[in-house]
N, C-alpha and C. Protein backbone atom coordinates (compact mmCIF):
# COMPACT_ATOMS: atom_id res chain seq x y z
N UNK A 1 -55.10 -39.17 18.68
CA UNK A 1 -54.02 -38.86 18.48
C UNK A 1 -53.63 -38.90 19.11
N UNK A 2 -51.78 -39.00 19.11
CA UNK A 2 -50.78 -39.40 19.95
C UNK A 2 -49.68 -38.48 19.56
N UNK A 3 -48.60 -37.66 20.32
CA UNK A 3 -47.12 -37.13 19.97
C UNK A 3 -46.48 -37.63 21.02
N UNK A 4 -45.46 -37.10 19.49
CA UNK A 4 -44.30 -38.72 20.57
C UNK A 4 -43.00 -37.84 20.16
N UNK A 5 -42.36 -37.41 21.03
CA UNK A 5 -41.09 -36.55 20.85
C UNK A 5 -39.55 -37.20 21.51
N UNK A 6 -38.98 -37.17 20.17
CA UNK A 6 -37.36 -37.85 19.91
C UNK A 6 -36.84 -36.77 20.59
N UNK A 7 -35.87 -36.54 21.11
CA UNK A 7 -34.17 -35.77 21.43
C UNK A 7 -33.64 -37.01 21.79
N UNK A 8 -32.23 -35.98 20.91
CA UNK A 8 -31.06 -36.94 20.04
C UNK A 8 -30.26 -35.76 20.99
N UNK A 9 -29.54 -36.72 22.19
CA UNK A 9 -28.13 -35.41 22.24
C UNK A 9 -27.26 -36.17 21.87
N UNK A 10 -25.80 -35.82 21.74
CA UNK A 10 -24.56 -36.37 22.19
C UNK A 10 -24.63 -37.23 23.31
N UNK A 11 -23.44 -38.37 23.09
CA UNK A 11 -22.85 -38.72 24.21
C UNK A 11 -22.10 -38.02 25.22
N UNK A 12 -22.62 -38.03 26.68
CA UNK A 12 -21.46 -36.70 27.05
C UNK A 12 -20.22 -37.35 26.87
N UNK A 13 -19.14 -37.90 26.69
CA UNK A 13 -17.96 -38.21 26.62
C UNK A 13 -17.82 -37.56 25.11
N UNK A 14 -18.65 -37.22 24.25
CA UNK A 14 -18.42 -37.23 23.29
C UNK A 14 -18.41 -34.96 22.88
N UNK A 15 -16.86 -34.74 22.21
CA UNK A 15 -16.93 -33.19 21.92
C UNK A 15 -18.18 -32.47 21.59
N UNK A 16 -18.80 -31.72 21.56
CA UNK A 16 -19.58 -30.87 21.36
C UNK A 16 -19.29 -30.15 20.84
N UNK A 17 -18.17 -29.18 19.89
CA UNK A 17 -17.96 -28.24 19.27
C UNK A 17 -19.36 -27.46 18.70
N UNK A 18 -20.31 -27.21 18.27
CA UNK A 18 -21.42 -27.05 17.96
C UNK A 18 -21.65 -25.43 19.34
N UNK A 19 -22.10 -26.60 20.93
CA UNK A 19 -22.11 -26.46 22.35
C UNK A 19 -21.45 -25.79 22.41
N UNK A 20 -20.31 -26.20 22.39
CA UNK A 20 -18.37 -24.79 22.67
C UNK A 20 -19.25 -23.36 22.32
N UNK A 21 -19.13 -23.37 21.18
CA UNK A 21 -19.64 -22.10 20.35
C UNK A 21 -20.48 -21.77 20.69
N UNK A 22 -21.72 -22.15 21.03
CA UNK A 22 -22.97 -21.50 21.74
C UNK A 22 -22.26 -20.45 22.93
N UNK A 23 -21.99 -21.47 23.77
CA UNK A 23 -20.95 -21.26 25.02
C UNK A 23 -20.44 -19.91 25.01
N UNK A 24 -19.62 -19.98 24.30
CA UNK A 24 -18.52 -18.53 23.83
C UNK A 24 -19.47 -17.62 23.69
N UNK A 25 -20.34 -17.74 22.75
CA UNK A 25 -21.37 -16.77 22.15
C UNK A 25 -22.14 -16.21 23.64
N UNK A 26 -22.45 -17.30 24.26
CA UNK A 26 -23.64 -16.13 25.59
C UNK A 26 -22.76 -15.67 26.43
N UNK A 27 -21.84 -16.40 26.59
CA UNK A 27 -20.15 -15.45 27.60
C UNK A 27 -20.12 -13.84 26.72
N UNK A 28 -20.40 -13.60 25.12
CA UNK A 28 -19.75 -12.62 24.79
C UNK A 28 -20.51 -11.56 24.83
N UNK A 29 -22.06 -12.16 24.89
CA UNK A 29 -23.19 -11.62 24.81
C UNK A 29 -23.72 -10.59 25.85
N UNK A 30 -23.18 -11.23 27.42
CA UNK A 30 -23.00 -10.92 28.57
C UNK A 30 -23.29 -11.58 29.57
N UNK A 31 -24.38 -13.16 28.68
CA UNK A 31 -24.67 -14.17 29.60
C UNK A 31 -23.77 -14.23 31.03
N UNK A 32 -23.35 -14.71 31.73
CA UNK A 32 -23.21 -15.07 33.02
C UNK A 32 -23.84 -16.44 33.50
N UNK A 33 -22.48 -16.60 33.99
CA UNK A 33 -22.61 -17.90 34.92
C UNK A 33 -23.55 -19.27 34.03
N UNK A 34 -23.33 -19.44 32.98
CA UNK A 34 -23.31 -19.98 32.13
C UNK A 34 -22.03 -21.23 32.24
N UNK A 35 -22.09 -23.01 32.24
CA UNK A 35 -21.95 -23.62 33.15
C UNK A 35 -20.62 -24.25 31.34
N UNK A 36 -21.92 -24.53 30.97
CA UNK A 36 -21.64 -25.35 29.90
C UNK A 36 -23.12 -25.56 28.60
N UNK A 37 -22.49 -25.61 27.27
CA UNK A 37 -23.68 -26.16 26.96
C UNK A 37 -24.14 -27.27 25.94
N UNK A 38 -24.81 -28.06 25.52
CA UNK A 38 -25.14 -28.95 24.80
C UNK A 38 -25.75 -28.57 23.98
N UNK A 39 -25.74 -29.08 22.07
CA UNK A 39 -26.53 -28.88 21.09
C UNK A 39 -27.31 -30.45 20.56
N UNK A 40 -28.32 -30.19 20.45
CA UNK A 40 -28.71 -31.92 20.46
C UNK A 40 -30.29 -31.20 19.52
N UNK A 41 -31.17 -32.12 19.03
CA UNK A 41 -32.29 -31.78 17.26
C UNK A 41 -33.11 -33.05 18.68
N UNK A 42 -34.71 -32.43 18.14
CA UNK A 42 -35.31 -33.06 18.27
C UNK A 42 -36.78 -33.41 17.34
N UNK A 43 -37.03 -33.89 17.26
CA UNK A 43 -37.95 -34.50 16.47
C UNK A 43 -39.85 -34.65 17.38
N UNK A 44 -40.48 -34.40 16.04
CA UNK A 44 -41.99 -34.37 16.89
C UNK A 44 -42.51 -35.09 15.95
N UNK A 45 -43.67 -36.05 16.53
CA UNK A 45 -43.63 -36.90 15.26
C UNK A 45 -45.44 -37.05 15.59
N UNK A 46 -46.10 -36.91 15.00
CA UNK A 46 -47.65 -36.63 15.47
C UNK A 46 -48.29 -38.16 14.92
N UNK A 47 -48.92 -38.73 15.46
CA UNK A 47 -49.26 -39.92 14.78
C UNK A 47 -50.97 -40.35 14.67
N UNK A 48 -51.27 -40.71 13.66
CA UNK A 48 -53.33 -40.81 13.06
C UNK A 48 -53.44 -41.26 14.77
N UNK A 49 -53.43 -41.98 15.02
CA UNK A 49 -54.13 -43.16 15.98
C UNK A 49 -53.10 -42.99 16.90
N UNK A 50 -53.96 -43.82 18.31
CA UNK A 50 -53.42 -44.07 19.87
C UNK A 50 -51.64 -44.66 19.64
N UNK A 51 -51.65 -44.53 20.17
CA UNK A 51 -49.92 -44.95 20.48
C UNK A 51 -50.05 -46.82 21.26
N UNK A 52 -49.75 -47.25 20.46
CA UNK A 52 -49.98 -48.44 20.81
C UNK A 52 -48.68 -49.70 21.01
N UNK A 53 -48.45 -50.46 21.92
CA UNK A 53 -47.58 -51.75 22.25
C UNK A 53 -46.12 -51.56 20.63
N UNK A 54 -46.93 -52.17 20.57
CA UNK A 54 -45.85 -52.22 18.52
C UNK A 54 -45.44 -51.23 18.27
N UNK A 55 -46.46 -50.17 17.96
CA UNK A 55 -45.31 -49.02 17.54
C UNK A 55 -44.94 -47.97 18.67
N UNK A 56 -45.41 -48.31 19.88
CA UNK A 56 -43.91 -47.76 20.74
C UNK A 56 -42.80 -48.82 20.30
N UNK A 57 -42.62 -49.71 20.71
CA UNK A 57 -41.25 -50.36 19.88
C UNK A 57 -40.90 -50.46 18.70
N UNK A 58 -41.61 -49.95 17.81
CA UNK A 58 -40.81 -49.37 16.15
C UNK A 58 -40.30 -47.80 16.32
N UNK A 59 -41.30 -46.93 17.22
CA UNK A 59 -40.22 -46.13 17.40
C UNK A 59 -38.48 -46.09 18.31
N UNK A 60 -39.01 -46.75 19.23
CA UNK A 60 -37.74 -46.48 19.82
C UNK A 60 -36.64 -47.63 18.58
N UNK A 61 -37.03 -48.56 17.63
CA UNK A 61 -36.57 -49.22 16.52
C UNK A 61 -35.58 -47.96 16.46
N UNK A 62 -36.21 -47.05 15.47
CA UNK A 62 -35.87 -46.03 15.01
C UNK A 62 -35.46 -44.63 15.24
N UNK A 63 -35.75 -44.22 16.37
CA UNK A 63 -34.84 -43.27 16.77
C UNK A 63 -33.72 -43.87 17.68
N UNK A 64 -33.34 -45.22 17.48
CA UNK A 64 -31.94 -46.39 18.35
C UNK A 64 -30.79 -46.09 16.43
N UNK A 65 -31.58 -46.45 16.00
CA UNK A 65 -31.31 -46.38 14.42
C UNK A 65 -31.35 -45.15 13.29
N UNK A 66 -32.31 -44.85 12.85
CA UNK A 66 -32.68 -43.97 11.90
C UNK A 66 -32.70 -42.31 12.59
N UNK A 67 -33.02 -42.00 13.48
CA UNK A 67 -32.94 -40.47 13.85
C UNK A 67 -31.63 -40.53 14.85
N UNK A 68 -30.81 -41.42 15.60
CA UNK A 68 -30.20 -40.62 15.94
C UNK A 68 -28.42 -41.56 15.60
N UNK A 69 -27.26 -41.39 15.94
CA UNK A 69 -26.07 -42.74 15.37
C UNK A 69 -26.13 -43.18 16.96
N UNK A 70 -26.47 -44.35 17.22
CA UNK A 70 -25.76 -45.13 18.36
C UNK A 70 -24.80 -45.08 18.94
N UNK A 71 -23.67 -44.83 18.24
CA UNK A 71 -22.13 -44.90 18.27
C UNK A 71 -21.96 -43.84 19.66
N UNK A 72 -22.19 -42.47 18.90
CA UNK A 72 -21.86 -41.14 19.58
C UNK A 72 -22.97 -40.86 20.73
N UNK A 73 -24.49 -40.70 19.94
CA UNK A 73 -25.86 -40.07 20.65
C UNK A 73 -26.71 -41.19 20.98
N UNK A 74 -27.57 -40.22 21.97
CA UNK A 74 -28.38 -41.34 23.40
C UNK A 74 -29.60 -40.19 22.69
N UNK A 75 -30.89 -41.20 22.89
CA UNK A 75 -32.24 -40.72 22.10
C UNK A 75 -32.80 -40.34 23.60
N UNK A 76 -33.84 -39.68 24.23
CA UNK A 76 -34.73 -40.21 25.02
C UNK A 76 -36.97 -39.85 24.31
N UNK A 77 -36.93 -40.73 24.63
CA UNK A 77 -38.57 -40.56 23.80
C UNK A 77 -39.68 -40.30 25.01
N UNK A 78 -40.12 -39.08 24.69
CA UNK A 78 -41.67 -38.49 25.72
C UNK A 78 -42.71 -38.51 24.66
N UNK A 79 -43.61 -39.84 25.28
CA UNK A 79 -45.06 -39.87 24.90
C UNK A 79 -46.36 -38.99 25.02
N UNK A 80 -47.48 -39.37 24.33
CA UNK A 80 -48.33 -37.89 24.42
C UNK A 80 -48.21 -36.27 24.71
N UNK A 81 -47.16 -36.24 24.67
CA UNK A 81 -46.97 -34.74 25.41
C UNK A 81 -47.78 -33.63 24.35
N UNK A 82 -48.28 -32.97 25.17
CA UNK A 82 -49.63 -31.99 24.92
C UNK A 82 -49.05 -30.96 24.35
N UNK A 83 -48.03 -29.84 24.82
CA UNK A 83 -47.91 -28.46 24.20
C UNK A 83 -46.35 -29.18 23.13
N UNK A 84 -45.74 -29.50 22.52
CA UNK A 84 -44.58 -29.96 23.08
C UNK A 84 -43.53 -28.75 21.79
N UNK A 85 -43.58 -27.03 22.43
CA UNK A 85 -43.11 -26.35 22.13
C UNK A 85 -42.48 -25.50 23.19
């Protein structure tokens, strides 16, 4: 069994109002020194078998089209993550 984690984040040049709201809340709750917060999303995909080249390529294609919006978001794909929590 293989686990793949896809992290999706807004591109740096895209305004992140949710991240800004969290940043403000952290300051109000007394957490000092927070320079910035960016909010994203994470997908954990468990595969029944091993991760081969074809599946890896398909996952990259799906991450770039289905799981993220390539106009405003970037994604990263991590393979064989032991403990994804």
